[in-house]
C-alpha cells in the first residue's frame, strides 16, 4: 500500500528522500481520485525499493496542499532531491505516470 504522507512526515519522507518520489494528492469524495488510486498502488508495488510512492489526503493535510498550490485533484507531483521536477493533474494511464517516474530514476 502506498505510503500515507502527512503534514507531519512530509519532510522526512519526501524532502529528505534519496529516491524519486511520486505523491498523489487526493480526497475521499473525489471520483477521479478513486479511478487513479489503483494505478498509484500498482506503481507503488512495481517501484518498491526504487522510488517512494505516497498519497496525501488534501482534506486532512491542508499545509502540504497549500504549499504546492494544489487546486485540482487528483494532482500527482514528482520530486527528486526534495524539489518538484514534474506534475500531472487529472487521471492518467499507468504508462504515462510510469514514464514520468522512469525519467527520474
C-alpha atoms as a PDB file:
ATOM      1  CA  UNK A   1       0.000   0.000   0.000  1.00  0.00           C
ATOM      2  CA  UNK A   2       1.290   3.469  -0.905  1.00  0.00           C
ATOM      3  CA  UNK A   3       2.718   5.463   1.988  1.00  0.00           C
ATOM      4  CA  UNK A   4       0.439   7.893   3.765  1.00  0.00           C
ATOM      5  CA  UNK A   5       2.184  11.247   3.619  1.00  0.00           C
ATOM      6  CA  UNK A   6       1.057  13.893   6.074  1.00  0.00           C
ATOM      7  CA  UNK A   7       1.962  17.431   7.092  1.00  0.00           C
ATOM      8  CA  UNK A   8       3.944  15.840   9.941  1.00  0.00           C
ATOM      9  CA  UNK A   9       6.057  13.338   7.960  1.00  0.00           C
ATOM     10  CA  UNK A  10       6.400  15.200   4.630  1.00  0.00           C
ATOM     11  CA  UNK A  11       9.914  16.478   5.214  1.00  0.00           C
ATOM     12  CA  UNK A  12      11.201  13.071   6.333  1.00  0.00           C
ATOM     13  CA  UNK A  13       9.577  11.048   3.531  1.00  0.00           C
ATOM     14  CA  UNK A  14       9.804  13.492   0.629  1.00  0.00           C
ATOM     15  CA  UNK A  15      12.298  16.307   1.112  1.00  0.00           C
ATOM     16  CA  UNK A  16      14.948  14.043   2.650  1.00  0.00           C
ATOM     17  CA  UNK A  17      14.418  11.085   0.301  1.00  0.00           C
ATOM     18  CA  UNK A  18      17.396   9.867  -1.702  1.00  0.00           C
ATOM     19  CA  UNK A  19      14.951   8.269  -4.169  1.00  0.00           C
ATOM     20  CA  UNK A  20      12.489   9.864  -6.582  1.00  0.00           C
ATOM     21  CA  UNK A  21       9.074  10.467  -5.007  1.00  0.00           C
ATOM     22  CA  UNK A  22       5.599  10.388  -6.539  1.00  0.00           C
ATOM     23  CA  UNK A  23       2.792  11.889  -4.460  1.00  0.00           C
ATOM     24  CA  UNK A  24      -0.894  11.514  -5.269  1.00  0.00           C
ATOM     25  CA  UNK A  25      -2.928  14.392  -3.803  1.00  0.00           C
ATOM     26  CA  UNK A  26      -6.474  13.070  -3.354  1.00  0.00           C
ATOM     27  CA  UNK A  27      -9.681  13.211  -1.310  1.00  0.00           C
ATOM     28  CA  UNK A  28     -12.242  10.597  -0.289  1.00  0.00           C
ATOM     29  CA  UNK A  29     -15.085  12.418  -2.073  1.00  0.00           C
ATOM     30  CA  UNK A  30     -13.205  12.766  -5.394  1.00  0.00           C
ATOM     31  CA  UNK A  31     -14.426  10.395  -8.134  1.00  0.00           C
ATOM     32  CA  UNK A  32     -11.378  10.752 -10.432  1.00  0.00           C
ATOM     33  CA  UNK A  33      -9.146  10.158  -7.373  1.00  0.00           C
ATOM     34  CA  UNK A  34     -10.819   6.786  -6.902  1.00  0.00           C
ATOM     35  CA  UNK A  35     -10.103   5.974 -10.545  1.00  0.00           C
ATOM     36  CA  UNK A  36      -6.372   6.698 -10.294  1.00  0.00           C
ATOM     37  CA  UNK A  37      -5.927   5.199  -6.806  1.00  0.00           C
ATOM     38  CA  UNK A  38      -5.415   1.602  -8.038  1.00  0.00           C
ATOM     39  CA  UNK A  39      -2.855   2.833 -10.593  1.00  0.00           C
ATOM     40  CA  UNK A  40      -0.880   4.546  -7.819  1.00  0.00           C
ATOM     41  CA  UNK A  41      -0.999   1.321  -5.781  1.00  0.00           C
ATOM     42  CA  UNK A  42       0.323  -0.690  -8.754  1.00  0.00           C
ATOM     43  CA  UNK A  43       3.172   1.791  -9.220  1.00  0.00           C
ATOM     44  CA  UNK A  44       3.968   1.530  -5.502  1.00  0.00           C
ATOM     45  CA  UNK A  45       4.321  -2.243  -5.831  1.00  0.00           C
ATOM     46  CA  UNK A  46       6.334  -2.103  -9.063  1.00  0.00           C
ATOM     47  CA  UNK A  47       8.768   0.611  -7.941  1.00  0.00           C
ATOM     48  CA  UNK A  48       9.320  -0.649  -4.392  1.00  0.00           C
ATOM     49  CA  UNK A  49      12.955  -0.045  -3.478  1.00  0.00           C
ATOM     50  CA  UNK A  50      13.479   2.277  -6.476  1.00  0.00           C
ATOM     51  CA  UNK A  51      11.080   5.122  -5.682  1.00  0.00           C
ATOM     52  CA  UNK A  52       8.824   6.360  -2.915  1.00  0.00           C
ATOM     53  CA  UNK A  53       5.129   6.359  -3.828  1.00  0.00           C
ATOM     54  CA  UNK A  54       2.753   8.078  -1.438  1.00  0.00           C
ATOM     55  CA  UNK A  55      -0.645   9.684  -1.060  1.00  0.00           C
ATOM     56  CA  UNK A  56      -1.689  12.942   0.603  1.00  0.00           C
ATOM     57  CA  UNK A  57      -5.308  13.369   1.657  1.00  0.00           C
ATOM     58  CA  UNK A  58      -5.876  17.075   0.928  1.00  0.00           C
ATOM     59  CA  UNK A  59      -8.692  17.370   3.477  1.00  0.00           C
ATOM     60  CA  UNK A  60      -6.512  16.039   6.304  1.00  0.00           C
ATOM     61  CA  UNK A  61      -3.257  17.760   5.280  1.00  0.00           C
ATOM     62  CA  UNK A  62      -4.007  21.317   4.178  1.00  0.00           C
ATOM     63  CA  UNK A  63      -0.490  22.664   4.770  1.00  0.00           C
ATOM     64  CA  UNK A  64       1.196  20.496   2.127  1.00  0.00           C
ATOM     65  CA  UNK A  65      -1.661  21.094  -0.282  1.00  0.00           C
ATOM     66  CA  UNK A  66      -1.381  24.870   0.127  1.00  0.00           C
ATOM     67  CA  UNK A  67       2.418  24.827  -0.085  1.00  0.00           C
ATOM     68  CA  UNK A  68       2.277  23.255  -3.540  1.00  0.00           C
ATOM     69  CA  UNK A  69      -0.796  25.127  -4.784  1.00  0.00           C
ATOM     70  CA  UNK A  70      -2.993  22.062  -5.179  1.00  0.00           C
ATOM     71  CA  UNK A  71      -6.254  23.389  -6.647  1.00  0.00           C
ATOM     72  CA  UNK A  72      -7.477  20.364  -8.598  1.00  0.00           C
ATOM     73  CA  UNK A  73      -7.360  16.729  -7.613  1.00  0.00           C
ATOM     74  CA  UNK A  74      -6.067  14.262  -8.370  1.00  0.00           C
ATOM     75  CA  UNK A  75      -2.736  16.030  -8.757  1.00  0.00           C
ATOM     76  CA  UNK A  76       0.406  13.934  -8.912  1.00  0.00           C
ATOM     77  CA  UNK A  77       3.718  15.582  -8.086  1.00  0.00           C
ATOM     78  CA  UNK A  78       7.099  14.063  -8.910  1.00  0.00           C
ATOM     79  CA  UNK A  79      10.021  15.010  -6.666  1.00  0.00           C
ATOM     80  CA  UNK A  80      13.745  14.454  -6.963  1.00  0.00           C
ATOM     81  CA  UNK A  81      16.210  15.745  -4.417  1.00  0.00           C
ATOM     82  CA  UNK A  82      13.342  17.300  -2.472  1.00  0.00           C
ATOM     83  CA  UNK A  83      12.200  19.507  -5.367  1.00  0.00           C
ATOM     84  CA  UNK A  84       9.295  19.169  -7.796  1.00  0.00           C
ATOM     85  CA  UNK A  85      10.519  18.007 -11.194  1.00  0.00           C
ATOM     86  CA  UNK A  86       7.181  17.147 -12.847  1.00  0.00           C
ATOM     87  CA  UNK A  87       3.433  17.270 -12.258  1.00  0.00           C
ATOM     88  CA  UNK A  88       0.276  15.732 -13.684  1.00  0.00           C
ATOM     89  CA  UNK A  89      -3.255  16.941 -12.994  1.00  0.00           C
ATOM     90  CA  UNK A  90      -6.177  14.578 -13.541  1.00  0.00           C
ATOM     91  CA  UNK A  91      -6.479  10.908 -14.354  1.00  0.00           C
ATOM     92  CA  UNK A  92      -3.736   9.330 -16.456  1.00  0.00           C
ATOM     93  CA  UNK A  93      -2.953   5.857 -17.735  1.00  0.00           C
ATOM     94  CA  UNK A  94      -0.352   3.926 -15.797  1.00  0.00           C
ATOM     95  CA  UNK A  95       2.200   4.023 -18.642  1.00  0.00           C
ATOM     96  CA  UNK A  96       2.170   7.856 -18.695  1.00  0.00           C
ATOM     97  CA  UNK A  97       2.899   8.035 -14.966  1.00  0.00           C
ATOM     98  CA  UNK A  98       5.499   5.260 -15.170  1.00  0.00           C
ATOM     99  CA  UNK A  99       7.313   7.122 -17.954  1.00  0.00           C
ATOM    100  CA  UNK A 100       7.440  10.293 -15.822  1.00  0.00           C
ATOM    101  CA  UNK A 101       8.725   8.266 -12.870  1.00  0.00           C
ATOM    102  CA  UNK A 102      11.302   6.437 -15.008  1.00  0.00           C
ATOM    103  CA  UNK A 103      12.683   9.789 -16.126  1.00  0.00           C
ATOM    104  CA  UNK A 104      13.646  10.482 -12.502  1.00  0.00           C
ATOM    105  CA  UNK A 105      15.428   7.157 -11.853  1.00  0.00           C
END
